[in-house]
């Protein structure tokens, strides 16, 4: 399965037949696994308060990327998810991170029969096709911080002279970061490069959205063991999946066919030894 096809399926779901088929496992190397560790710590740090991330004083998560230079932070951890923006000199990139939520809070959101797909706000996403629809709850969460995040990214790029932006997030934060990955390129210089690392990502949009992501984003998505969140709503395959044995494998389909066969405790990790949370 190609990288782009995996991402398209990830966001759009698969046929009923595909739910029962598990693709062959392709292991990845220890060095490849370790290369994701900085982004995992950044995603975990997003659970810390805005004051903690602005001071970059959040214990192990901040120590994991000790040379990070915070620029802005926000959110209240309640009605607005925490977020932060800054610069990592080792990776030479702007980092944008969004707080996730625990499984007991996100499961009702992604399985709620009242959720609906809606068009993206044209004022935030100018020129995006009206065929593209996304989960209304995720859209509202992203919109609540969009302009602040954009201004902070612009400031960071100008201050540190970088043209690379990296977005990270876990759970609900992964969904927000994915939408930011569509939003930010519409407002930043054309020479800017983007990459996105998500963990425990629920399905965000329809097939048209999946097609757009497939064509325009550089996305790496990581799931842990029997995490049920990426099966909601409906089934989604994996791009990188941590097996019960601890082995990391590429492009796994059908490991958790339905939410009833998942294990909520796997949602927060560990991801190469890192549990999400502050």
Protein backbone atom coordinates (compact mmCIF):
# COMPACT_ATOMS: atom_id res chain seq x y z
CA UNK A 1 0.00 0.00 0.00
CA UNK A 2 1.47 3.38 -0.94
CA UNK A 3 2.00 6.16 1.61
CA UNK A 4 -0.61 8.38 -0.04
CA UNK A 5 -3.16 5.61 -0.37
CA UNK A 6 -2.76 4.79 3.29
CA UNK A 7 -3.42 8.40 4.25
CA UNK A 8 -6.43 8.64 1.97
CA UNK A 9 -7.92 5.51 3.50
CA UNK A 10 -7.01 6.74 6.96
CA UNK A 11 -9.28 9.72 6.61
CA UNK A 12 -12.01 8.35 4.41
CA UNK A 13 -12.53 4.82 5.72
CA UNK A 14 -12.48 1.59 3.74
CA UNK A 15 -14.98 -0.81 2.22
CA UNK A 16 -16.76 -3.37 4.37
CA UNK A 17 -14.64 -6.12 2.87
CA UNK A 18 -11.47 -4.25 3.77
CA UNK A 19 -12.43 -4.30 7.45
CA UNK A 20 -11.75 -7.99 7.65
CA UNK A 21 -8.44 -7.92 5.80
CA UNK A 22 -5.20 -7.33 7.59
CA UNK A 23 -2.29 -6.26 5.44
CA UNK A 24 1.14 -7.82 5.84
CA UNK A 25 3.35 -6.34 8.55
CA UNK A 26 6.45 -4.42 7.55
CA UNK A 27 8.62 -3.63 10.56
CA UNK A 28 10.58 -0.40 10.80
CA UNK A 29 14.03 0.05 12.29
CA UNK A 30 14.92 1.26 15.77
CA UNK A 31 16.52 4.38 14.31
CA UNK A 32 13.34 5.15 12.40
CA UNK A 33 11.28 4.71 15.55
CA UNK A 34 13.64 6.95 17.53
CA UNK A 35 13.38 9.67 14.88
CA UNK A 36 9.76 10.23 15.93
CA UNK A 37 10.61 10.75 19.61
CA UNK A 38 11.06 14.56 19.48
CA UNK A 39 7.62 14.94 17.90
CA UNK A 40 6.07 12.59 20.46
CA UNK A 41 7.42 14.71 23.30
CA UNK A 42 6.11 17.85 21.59
CA UNK A 43 2.64 16.29 21.25
CA UNK A 44 2.68 15.21 24.90
CA UNK A 45 3.80 18.65 26.07
CA UNK A 46 0.65 20.13 24.54
CA UNK A 47 -1.27 18.70 27.52
CA UNK A 48 0.58 21.11 29.79
CA UNK A 49 -0.82 24.53 30.65
CA UNK A 50 -0.18 27.55 28.46
CA UNK A 51 1.98 29.05 31.23
CA UNK A 52 4.12 25.91 31.43
CA UNK A 53 4.78 25.66 27.70
CA UNK A 54 5.46 29.38 27.34
CA UNK A 55 8.12 29.05 30.04
CA UNK A 56 9.11 25.64 28.61
CA UNK A 57 9.01 24.24 32.10
CA UNK A 58 6.91 21.09 31.94
CA UNK A 59 9.08 18.28 33.26
CA UNK A 60 10.04 15.31 31.10
CA UNK A 61 8.13 16.50 28.03
CA UNK A 62 10.05 19.78 27.91
CA UNK A 63 13.34 18.12 28.86
CA UNK A 64 12.89 15.81 25.85
CA UNK A 65 13.39 18.86 23.60
CA UNK A 66 15.42 21.02 25.95
CA UNK A 67 16.62 23.54 23.35
CA UNK A 68 13.09 24.43 22.17
CA UNK A 69 12.33 28.16 22.13
CA UNK A 70 8.66 28.93 22.87
CA UNK A 71 7.07 31.96 21.24
CA UNK A 72 3.37 31.82 22.09
CA UNK A 73 0.80 29.65 23.85
CA UNK A 74 -2.89 29.73 24.60
CA UNK A 75 -6.08 27.90 25.42
CA UNK A 76 -7.58 27.12 28.80
CA UNK A 77 -7.68 23.32 28.70
CA UNK A 78 -11.45 23.41 28.89
CA UNK A 79 -13.49 25.22 26.25
CA UNK A 80 -10.32 25.80 24.21
CA UNK A 81 -7.59 23.17 23.96
CA UNK A 82 -4.11 24.26 25.04
CA UNK A 83 -1.73 25.05 22.19
CA UNK A 84 1.76 26.40 21.77
CA UNK A 85 4.07 27.59 19.00
CA UNK A 86 7.86 27.95 19.00
CA UNK A 87 11.11 27.11 17.27
CA UNK A 88 13.30 24.03 17.52
CA UNK A 89 16.88 24.87 16.49
CA UNK A 90 17.95 21.22 16.27
CA UNK A 91 15.20 20.46 13.76
CA UNK A 92 15.21 24.00 12.29
CA UNK A 93 11.44 24.16 12.26
CA UNK A 94 8.51 25.97 13.76
CA UNK A 95 6.56 23.63 16.05
CA UNK A 96 2.77 23.92 16.37
CA UNK A 97 1.19 21.65 18.98
CA UNK A 98 -2.39 21.15 20.14
CA UNK A 99 -3.67 19.47 23.30
CA UNK A 100 -5.63 16.27 22.98
CA UNK A 101 -8.13 14.77 25.39
CA UNK A 102 -8.64 11.51 27.20
CA UNK A 103 -10.61 8.64 25.62
CA UNK A 104 -13.62 9.06 27.89
CA UNK A 105 -14.04 12.61 26.57
CA UNK A 106 -13.29 12.08 22.88
CA UNK A 107 -15.24 8.84 22.40
CA UNK A 108 -18.63 10.56 22.93
CA UNK A 109 -17.58 13.27 20.47
CA UNK A 110 -16.57 10.94 17.66
CA UNK A 111 -19.38 8.43 18.15
CA UNK A 112 -22.17 10.95 18.80
CA UNK A 113 -25.04 10.26 16.39
CA UNK A 114 -25.69 14.01 16.27
CA UNK A 115 -22.30 14.93 14.80
CA UNK A 116 -22.36 16.07 11.21
CA UNK A 117 -20.00 16.86 8.38
CA UNK A 118 -19.84 20.47 7.31
CA UNK A 119 -17.96 22.69 4.87
CA UNK A 120 -14.85 24.49 6.04
CA UNK A 121 -15.20 28.19 6.84
CA UNK A 122 -14.30 30.03 3.63
CA UNK A 123 -12.82 32.94 5.61
CA UNK A 124 -10.28 30.57 7.18
CA UNK A 125 -9.94 28.20 4.23
CA UNK A 126 -10.23 30.39 1.13
CA UNK A 127 -10.46 28.55 -2.16
CA UNK A 128 -11.13 25.14 -0.61
CA UNK A 129 -13.71 23.15 -2.58
CA UNK A 130 -17.23 22.97 -1.19
CA UNK A 131 -17.01 19.21 -1.78
CA UNK A 132 -14.73 19.01 1.26
CA UNK A 133 -16.54 18.36 4.52
CA UNK A 134 -15.20 17.78 8.03
CA UNK A 135 -16.49 16.79 11.47
CA UNK A 136 -18.20 19.88 12.90
CA UNK A 137 -16.73 19.42 16.39
CA UNK A 138 -13.18 19.24 15.10
CA UNK A 139 -13.78 22.21 12.82
CA UNK A 140 -15.02 24.36 15.71
CA UNK A 141 -12.05 23.38 17.89
CA UNK A 142 -9.58 24.34 15.16
CA UNK A 143 -11.36 27.60 14.37
CA UNK A 144 -11.20 28.72 18.00
CA UNK A 145 -7.40 29.11 17.84
CA UNK A 146 -6.69 29.42 14.11
CA UNK A 147 -5.87 33.12 13.80
CA UNK A 148 -3.76 33.19 16.97
CA UNK A 149 -1.80 30.17 15.82
CA UNK A 150 -1.24 31.67 12.37
CA UNK A 151 0.04 34.96 13.81
CA UNK A 152 2.36 33.07 16.15
CA UNK A 153 3.73 30.95 13.31
CA UNK A 154 4.36 34.07 11.22
CA UNK A 155 6.21 35.68 14.14
CA UNK A 156 8.31 32.58 14.72
CA UNK A 157 9.24 32.22 11.06
CA UNK A 158 10.27 35.87 10.91
CA UNK A 159 12.21 35.79 14.19
CA UNK A 160 14.19 32.63 13.46
CA UNK A 161 14.40 32.72 9.66
CA UNK A 162 12.96 29.26 9.08
CA UNK A 163 10.66 28.18 6.26
CA UNK A 164 9.63 24.84 7.77
CA UNK A 165 6.53 24.27 9.90
CA UNK A 166 5.86 21.06 11.82
CA UNK A 167 2.47 20.27 13.35
CA UNK A 168 1.91 17.69 16.07
CA UNK A 169 -1.00 16.46 18.14
CA UNK A 170 -2.60 13.50 19.88
CA UNK A 171 -6.27 12.52 19.90
CA UNK A 172 -8.43 15.65 19.52
CA UNK A 173 -5.17 17.57 19.20
CA UNK A 174 -4.29 15.38 16.21
CA UNK A 175 -7.56 16.31 14.51
CA UNK A 176 -6.95 20.02 15.17
CA UNK A 177 -3.38 19.75 13.89
CA UNK A 178 -4.54 18.00 10.74
CA UNK A 179 -6.97 20.83 10.03
CA UNK A 180 -4.21 23.36 10.79
CA UNK A 181 -2.12 21.50 8.22
CA UNK A 182 -4.73 22.41 5.62
CA UNK A 183 -5.28 25.93 6.99
CA UNK A 184 -1.74 27.27 7.45
CA UNK A 185 -0.45 26.68 3.90
CA UNK A 186 -3.29 28.85 2.59
CA UNK A 187 -1.90 31.84 4.52
CA UNK A 188 1.89 31.38 4.58
CA UNK A 189 4.45 31.99 1.80
CA UNK A 190 4.44 29.46 -1.02
CA UNK A 191 8.01 28.40 -0.25
CA UNK A 192 7.07 27.14 3.22
CA UNK A 193 7.37 23.38 3.77
CA UNK A 194 5.11 21.48 6.14
CA UNK A 195 5.07 18.15 7.91
CA UNK A 196 2.53 16.71 10.33
CA UNK A 197 2.88 14.02 13.00
CA UNK A 198 -0.31 12.73 14.62
CA UNK A 199 -1.01 10.13 17.28
CA UNK A 200 -4.36 8.38 17.84
CA UNK A 201 -6.01 10.42 15.08
CA UNK A 202 -9.79 9.99 14.67
CA UNK A 203 -11.34 10.23 11.22
CA UNK A 204 -11.71 13.92 10.40
CA UNK A 205 -13.49 14.34 7.06
CA UNK A 206 -15.11 12.88 3.97
CA UNK A 207 -13.53 11.37 0.86
CA UNK A 208 -12.97 14.78 -0.72
CA UNK A 209 -11.08 15.85 2.40
CA UNK A 210 -9.04 12.65 2.29
CA UNK A 211 -8.21 13.29 -1.35
CA UNK A 212 -7.05 16.82 -0.50
CA UNK A 213 -4.85 15.55 2.32
CA UNK A 214 -3.46 12.87 0.03
CA UNK A 215 -2.51 15.43 -2.59
CA UNK A 216 -1.22 18.24 -0.39
CA UNK A 217 0.00 17.10 3.04
CA UNK A 218 3.06 15.27 4.32
CA UNK A 219 1.41 13.27 7.12
CA UNK A 220 2.83 10.64 9.45
CA UNK A 221 0.23 9.00 11.68
CA UNK A 222 1.01 6.65 14.57
CA UNK A 223 -1.46 4.39 16.41
CA UNK A 224 -0.83 2.35 19.54
CA UNK A 225 -1.92 -1.29 19.85
CA UNK A 226 -5.72 -1.63 20.24
CA UNK A 227 -6.52 2.10 20.41
CA UNK A 228 -10.19 2.41 19.36
CA UNK A 229 -10.22 6.15 18.60
CA UNK A 230 -8.92 5.82 15.00
CA UNK A 231 -11.86 3.53 14.22
CA UNK A 232 -14.30 6.40 14.93
CA UNK A 233 -16.49 7.06 13.13
CA UNK A 234 -16.25 3.78 11.19
CA UNK A 235 -13.01 1.90 10.52
CA UNK A 236 -9.76 3.53 9.55
CA UNK A 237 -6.48 1.79 8.71
CA UNK A 238 -3.08 2.64 10.14
CA UNK A 239 0.00 4.20 8.67
CA UNK A 240 2.36 3.29 11.52
CA UNK A 241 1.07 0.92 14.18
CA UNK A 242 2.62 -0.22 17.46
CA UNK A 243 1.91 -3.94 17.83
CA UNK A 244 1.03 -5.63 21.13
CA UNK A 245 4.58 -7.00 21.13
CA UNK A 246 5.96 -3.45 20.99
CA UNK A 247 7.10 -3.82 17.38
CA UNK A 248 6.37 -0.87 15.11
CA UNK A 249 4.90 -1.79 11.74
CA UNK A 250 3.88 0.09 8.61
CA UNK A 251 0.43 0.16 6.97
CA UNK A 252 -1.67 -2.13 9.15
CA UNK A 253 -5.35 -2.52 8.25
CA UNK A 254 -7.92 -4.30 10.39
CA UNK A 255 -6.09 -4.58 13.73
CA UNK A 256 -9.09 -3.05 15.52
CA UNK A 257 -12.09 -3.79 13.26
CA UNK A 258 -14.65 -2.06 15.52
CA UNK A 259 -14.68 0.22 18.54
CA UNK A 260 -15.97 -2.68 20.67
CA UNK A 261 -12.74 -4.58 20.03
CA UNK A 262 -10.51 -1.70 21.06
CA UNK A 263 -8.89 -0.86 24.38
CA UNK A 264 -9.19 2.74 25.57
CA UNK A 265 -6.10 2.36 27.75
CA UNK A 266 -3.93 2.11 24.62
CA UNK A 267 -4.96 5.56 23.40
CA UNK A 268 -2.42 7.49 25.49
CA UNK A 269 0.49 5.19 24.63
CA UNK A 270 3.13 4.34 25.31
CA UNK A 271 4.62 5.59 22.05
CA UNK A 272 8.21 4.34 22.22
CA UNK A 273 8.06 4.66 25.99
CA UNK A 274 6.23 7.99 26.08
CA UNK A 275 2.76 8.30 27.61
CA UNK A 276 0.71 11.27 26.43
CA UNK A 277 -0.04 13.79 29.17
CA UNK A 278 1.58 16.42 31.34
